[in-house]
Amino acid sequence: MDHDQEILEHLKERGADLSIPHEIEFYVYFPIEKSAQEASHAITQEGFRIHLLADPSGNRWLCLSLKEMVPELGTILAYKNKFNDLAKPYGGKCDGWGTQVEK
């Protein structure tokens, strides 16, 4: 089973109602703050709120990208691919996603 599908199954097992919107967080990492800032403009154009955070290791920057949406596998995979495409020119990549259980 695909890792993203496993996350959805885990949410369902914990009682999440996957038919209602959840605040989904995508973790998009960049090597330097300037890259994260530049890429964040394209991410906000997709309707996401963002928070730029320094990784505790000091080796990279997180562009935490948040949006309310129904957690459907196809939509999540499409955004992961889009974030990877947006991040690649800046040396970044999407390193997954998460959400809270919404009942």
N, C-alpha and C. Protein backbone atom coordinates (compact mmCIF):
# COMPACT_ATOMS: atom_id res chain seq x y z
N MET A 1 0.85 -1.19 0.00
CA MET A 1 0.00 0.00 0.00
C MET A 1 0.89 1.25 0.00
N ASP A 2 0.50 2.23 -0.74
CA ASP A 2 1.20 3.51 -0.84
C ASP A 2 1.21 4.22 0.52
N HIS A 3 2.30 4.94 0.82
CA HIS A 3 2.44 5.63 2.12
C HIS A 3 1.31 6.63 2.34
N ASP A 4 0.93 7.37 1.30
CA ASP A 4 -0.15 8.35 1.46
C ASP A 4 -1.48 7.66 1.75
N GLN A 5 -1.72 6.54 1.10
CA GLN A 5 -2.93 5.77 1.37
C GLN A 5 -2.91 5.23 2.79
N GLU A 6 -1.73 4.83 3.28
CA GLU A 6 -1.61 4.35 4.66
C GLU A 6 -1.99 5.45 5.65
N ILE A 7 -1.57 6.67 5.38
CA ILE A 7 -1.92 7.79 6.27
C ILE A 7 -3.43 7.97 6.30
N LEU A 8 -4.07 7.92 5.13
CA LEU A 8 -5.53 8.07 5.09
C LEU A 8 -6.21 6.94 5.85
N GLU A 9 -5.72 5.71 5.70
CA GLU A 9 -6.29 4.57 6.42
C GLU A 9 -6.11 4.75 7.93
N HIS A 10 -4.95 5.24 8.33
CA HIS A 10 -4.69 5.48 9.76
C HIS A 10 -5.65 6.54 10.30
N LEU A 11 -5.87 7.60 9.54
CA LEU A 11 -6.83 8.63 9.96
C LEU A 11 -8.22 8.04 10.14
N LYS A 12 -8.63 7.22 9.18
CA LYS A 12 -9.95 6.59 9.24
C LYS A 12 -10.06 5.68 10.47
N GLU A 13 -9.00 4.91 10.74
CA GLU A 13 -8.99 4.03 11.92
C GLU A 13 -9.11 4.82 13.22
N ARG A 14 -8.60 6.04 13.22
CA ARG A 14 -8.67 6.89 14.42
C ARG A 14 -9.98 7.66 14.50
N GLY A 15 -10.89 7.40 13.56
CA GLY A 15 -12.21 8.01 13.62
C GLY A 15 -12.41 9.24 12.78
N ALA A 16 -11.47 9.56 11.91
CA ALA A 16 -11.60 10.75 11.06
C ALA A 16 -12.71 10.54 10.04
N ASP A 17 -13.49 11.58 9.82
CA ASP A 17 -14.50 11.58 8.77
C ASP A 17 -13.83 12.16 7.52
N LEU A 18 -13.41 11.29 6.61
CA LEU A 18 -12.67 11.73 5.43
C LEU A 18 -13.54 12.36 4.36
N SER A 19 -14.81 12.53 4.65
CA SER A 19 -15.69 13.20 3.68
C SER A 19 -15.83 14.69 3.97
N ILE A 20 -15.25 15.14 5.09
CA ILE A 20 -15.32 16.56 5.44
C ILE A 20 -13.93 17.20 5.32
N PRO A 21 -13.88 18.52 5.13
CA PRO A 21 -12.58 19.18 5.01
C PRO A 21 -11.75 19.07 6.29
N HIS A 22 -10.48 18.91 6.10
CA HIS A 22 -9.46 18.91 7.15
C HIS A 22 -8.44 19.99 6.79
N GLU A 23 -7.74 20.52 7.77
CA GLU A 23 -6.62 21.40 7.45
C GLU A 23 -5.42 20.51 7.17
N ILE A 24 -5.03 20.47 5.90
CA ILE A 24 -3.92 19.62 5.47
C ILE A 24 -2.65 20.46 5.49
N GLU A 25 -1.59 19.89 6.03
CA GLU A 25 -0.27 20.54 6.08
C GLU A 25 0.66 19.79 5.13
N PHE A 26 1.27 20.51 4.22
CA PHE A 26 2.31 19.95 3.36
C PHE A 26 3.64 20.52 3.82
N TYR A 27 4.65 19.65 3.90
CA TYR A 27 5.97 20.02 4.39
C TYR A 27 6.91 20.16 3.19
N VAL A 28 7.22 21.40 2.83
CA VAL A 28 8.07 21.67 1.67
C VAL A 28 9.37 22.29 2.20
N TYR A 29 10.48 21.58 2.02
CA TYR A 29 11.77 21.99 2.57
C TYR A 29 12.67 22.59 1.50
N PHE A 30 13.49 23.56 1.95
CA PHE A 30 14.43 24.26 1.08
C PHE A 30 15.77 24.38 1.79
N PRO A 31 16.86 24.48 1.01
CA PRO A 31 18.18 24.55 1.65
C PRO A 31 18.46 25.88 2.34
N ILE A 32 17.86 26.97 1.85
CA ILE A 32 18.12 28.28 2.44
C ILE A 32 16.82 29.08 2.53
N GLU A 33 16.79 30.06 3.42
CA GLU A 33 15.60 30.87 3.64
C GLU A 33 15.15 31.59 2.38
N LYS A 34 16.10 32.15 1.62
CA LYS A 34 15.74 32.89 0.41
C LYS A 34 14.97 32.02 -0.58
N SER A 35 15.38 30.77 -0.74
CA SER A 35 14.68 29.84 -1.63
C SER A 35 13.26 29.58 -1.13
N ALA A 36 13.12 29.39 0.16
CA ALA A 36 11.80 29.15 0.74
C ALA A 36 10.90 30.36 0.52
N GLN A 37 11.43 31.56 0.70
CA GLN A 37 10.65 32.77 0.50
C GLN A 37 10.21 32.91 -0.95
N GLU A 38 11.13 32.68 -1.87
CA GLU A 38 10.80 32.82 -3.28
C GLU A 38 9.75 31.81 -3.73
N ALA A 39 9.89 30.57 -3.31
CA ALA A 39 8.93 29.54 -3.68
C ALA A 39 7.58 29.75 -3.00
N SER A 40 7.59 30.38 -1.84
CA SER A 40 6.33 30.56 -1.10
C SER A 40 5.32 31.40 -1.87
N HIS A 41 5.79 32.29 -2.73
CA HIS A 41 4.87 33.11 -3.52
C HIS A 41 4.02 32.23 -4.45
N ALA A 42 4.65 31.26 -5.09
CA ALA A 42 3.90 30.36 -5.97
C ALA A 42 2.95 29.48 -5.17
N ILE A 43 3.34 29.09 -3.97
CA ILE A 43 2.50 28.24 -3.13
C ILE A 43 1.25 29.00 -2.68
N THR A 44 1.40 30.27 -2.32
CA THR A 44 0.23 31.05 -1.92
C THR A 44 -0.72 31.26 -3.09
N GLN A 45 -0.21 31.26 -4.32
CA GLN A 45 -1.07 31.38 -5.49
C GLN A 45 -1.99 30.17 -5.64
N GLU A 46 -1.64 29.07 -5.01
CA GLU A 46 -2.47 27.86 -5.02
C GLU A 46 -3.52 27.88 -3.90
N GLY A 47 -3.59 29.00 -3.17
CA GLY A 47 -4.60 29.14 -2.12
C GLY A 47 -4.16 28.63 -0.76
N PHE A 48 -2.87 28.43 -0.57
CA PHE A 48 -2.35 27.94 0.70
C PHE A 48 -1.89 29.09 1.59
N ARG A 49 -2.04 28.91 2.89
CA ARG A 49 -1.40 29.78 3.87
C ARG A 49 -0.04 29.15 4.15
N ILE A 50 0.95 29.96 4.41
CA ILE A 50 2.27 29.40 4.65
C ILE A 50 2.89 29.97 5.91
N HIS A 51 3.78 29.19 6.48
CA HIS A 51 4.63 29.60 7.60
C HIS A 51 6.04 29.17 7.24
N LEU A 52 6.97 30.10 7.24
CA LEU A 52 8.37 29.77 7.00
C LEU A 52 9.05 29.56 8.35
N LEU A 53 9.68 28.41 8.50
CA LEU A 53 10.29 28.04 9.77
C LEU A 53 11.68 27.48 9.53
N ALA A 54 12.61 27.89 10.36
CA ALA A 54 13.96 27.32 10.31
C ALA A 54 13.91 25.92 10.93
N ASP A 55 14.51 24.96 10.27
CA ASP A 55 14.62 23.62 10.81
C ASP A 55 15.53 23.68 12.04
N PRO A 56 15.20 22.98 13.12
CA PRO A 56 16.06 23.02 14.31
C PRO A 56 17.51 22.64 14.03
N SER A 57 17.74 21.85 13.00
CA SER A 57 19.12 21.46 12.66
C SER A 57 19.91 22.63 12.09
N GLY A 58 19.19 23.64 11.60
CA GLY A 58 19.83 24.79 10.98
C GLY A 58 20.28 24.54 9.56
N ASN A 59 19.96 23.37 9.02
CA ASN A 59 20.42 22.99 7.69
C ASN A 59 19.39 23.21 6.58
N ARG A 60 18.18 23.59 6.94
CA ARG A 60 17.15 23.78 5.91
C ARG A 60 16.01 24.62 6.46
N TRP A 61 15.13 25.02 5.56
CA TRP A 61 13.96 25.83 5.90
C TRP A 61 12.69 25.10 5.47
N LEU A 62 11.69 25.16 6.33
CA LEU A 62 10.40 24.56 6.05
C LEU A 62 9.42 25.64 5.61
N CYS A 63 8.78 25.39 4.49
CA CYS A 63 7.65 26.20 4.06
C CYS A 63 6.42 25.35 4.37
N LEU A 64 5.87 25.53 5.57
CA LEU A 64 4.68 24.78 5.99
C LEU A 64 3.50 25.37 5.25
N SER A 65 2.85 24.55 4.43
CA SER A 65 1.79 25.01 3.54
C SER A 65 0.47 24.37 3.97
N LEU A 66 -0.51 25.22 4.33
CA LEU A 66 -1.76 24.74 4.92
C LEU A 66 -2.97 25.15 4.09
N LYS A 67 -3.92 24.22 3.99
CA LYS A 67 -5.15 24.51 3.25
C LYS A 67 -6.25 23.56 3.72
N GLU A 68 -7.46 24.10 3.85
CA GLU A 68 -8.62 23.27 4.17
C GLU A 68 -9.06 22.55 2.90
N MET A 69 -9.15 21.21 3.00
CA MET A 69 -9.61 20.42 1.87
C MET A 69 -10.05 19.05 2.35
N VAL A 70 -10.86 18.40 1.55
CA VAL A 70 -11.24 17.03 1.84
C VAL A 70 -10.01 16.17 1.54
N PRO A 71 -9.59 15.33 2.48
CA PRO A 71 -8.38 14.53 2.29
C PRO A 71 -8.61 13.34 1.35
N GLU A 72 -8.49 13.60 0.07
CA GLU A 72 -8.64 12.55 -0.94
C GLU A 72 -7.27 12.25 -1.54
N LEU A 73 -7.00 10.99 -1.76
CA LEU A 73 -5.70 10.56 -2.23
C LEU A 73 -5.28 11.28 -3.51
N GLY A 74 -6.15 11.35 -4.49
CA GLY A 74 -5.81 11.99 -5.76
C GLY A 74 -5.42 13.45 -5.59
N THR A 75 -6.16 14.17 -4.77
CA THR A 75 -5.87 15.59 -4.52
C THR A 75 -4.53 15.75 -3.80
N ILE A 76 -4.30 14.93 -2.81
CA ILE A 76 -3.05 15.00 -2.05
C ILE A 76 -1.86 14.69 -2.95
N LEU A 77 -1.96 13.66 -3.77
CA LEU A 77 -0.86 13.32 -4.67
C LEU A 77 -0.62 14.43 -5.68
N ALA A 78 -1.69 15.04 -6.18
CA ALA A 78 -1.55 16.14 -7.14
C ALA A 78 -0.81 17.32 -6.51
N TYR A 79 -1.15 17.66 -5.26
CA TYR A 79 -0.45 18.76 -4.60
C TYR A 79 0.99 18.41 -4.28
N LYS A 80 1.26 17.18 -3.86
CA LYS A 80 2.65 16.79 -3.62
C LYS A 80 3.49 16.94 -4.89
N ASN A 81 2.94 16.50 -6.02
CA ASN A 81 3.65 16.63 -7.29
C ASN A 81 3.85 18.10 -7.66
N LYS A 82 2.80 18.91 -7.46
CA LYS A 82 2.88 20.33 -7.78
C LYS A 82 3.94 21.01 -6.91
N PHE A 83 3.95 20.68 -5.60
CA PHE A 83 4.94 21.28 -4.71
C PHE A 83 6.36 20.84 -5.09
N ASN A 84 6.52 19.60 -5.48
CA ASN A 84 7.85 19.15 -5.93
C ASN A 84 8.28 19.90 -7.18
N ASP A 85 7.36 20.11 -8.11
CA ASP A 85 7.67 20.87 -9.32
C ASP A 85 8.03 22.32 -8.99
N LEU A 86 7.28 22.93 -8.07
CA LEU A 86 7.55 24.32 -7.67
C LEU A 86 8.87 24.44 -6.91
N ALA A 87 9.17 23.45 -6.09
CA ALA A 87 10.34 23.52 -5.21
C ALA A 87 11.65 23.17 -5.91
N LYS A 88 11.58 22.32 -6.92
CA LYS A 88 12.80 21.81 -7.56
C LYS A 88 13.75 22.91 -8.04
N PRO A 89 13.27 23.96 -8.72
CA PRO A 89 14.21 25.00 -9.16
C PRO A 89 14.92 25.72 -8.02
N TYR A 90 14.39 25.62 -6.81
CA TYR A 90 14.98 26.27 -5.64
C TYR A 90 15.76 25.28 -4.76
N GLY A 91 15.94 24.06 -5.26
CA GLY A 91 16.67 23.05 -4.50
C GLY A 91 15.85 22.41 -3.40
N GLY A 92 14.51 22.55 -3.48
CA GLY A 92 13.64 22.03 -2.43
C GLY A 92 12.86 20.81 -2.84
N LYS A 93 12.09 20.29 -1.88
CA LYS A 93 11.21 19.16 -2.18
C LYS A 93 10.10 19.06 -1.14
N CYS A 94 9.01 18.46 -1.55
CA CYS A 94 7.90 18.19 -0.65
C CYS A 94 8.23 16.89 0.08
N ASP A 95 8.18 16.96 1.41
CA ASP A 95 8.55 15.81 2.22
C ASP A 95 7.36 15.25 2.98
N GLY A 96 6.18 15.30 2.34
CA GLY A 96 5.02 14.68 2.96
C GLY A 96 3.96 15.66 3.40
N TRP A 97 3.00 15.12 4.12
CA TRP A 97 1.84 15.89 4.56
C TRP A 97 1.28 15.27 5.82
N GLY A 98 0.35 16.01 6.45
CA GLY A 98 -0.31 15.50 7.64
C GLY A 98 -1.55 16.32 7.94
N THR A 99 -2.33 15.83 8.90
CA THR A 99 -3.53 16.53 9.34
C THR A 99 -3.96 15.95 10.68
N GLN A 100 -4.84 16.68 11.33
CA GLN A 100 -5.45 16.22 12.57
C GLN A 100 -6.69 15.39 12.24
N VAL A 101 -7.13 14.57 13.17
CA VAL A 101 -8.35 13.80 12.99
C VAL A 101 -9.54 14.73 13.18
N GLU A 102 -10.37 14.82 12.14
CA GLU A 102 -11.61 15.60 12.19
C GLU A 102 -12.76 14.63 12.17
N LYS A 103 -13.65 14.77 13.16
CA LYS A 103 -14.80 13.84 13.25
C LYS A 103 -16.08 14.55 12.95
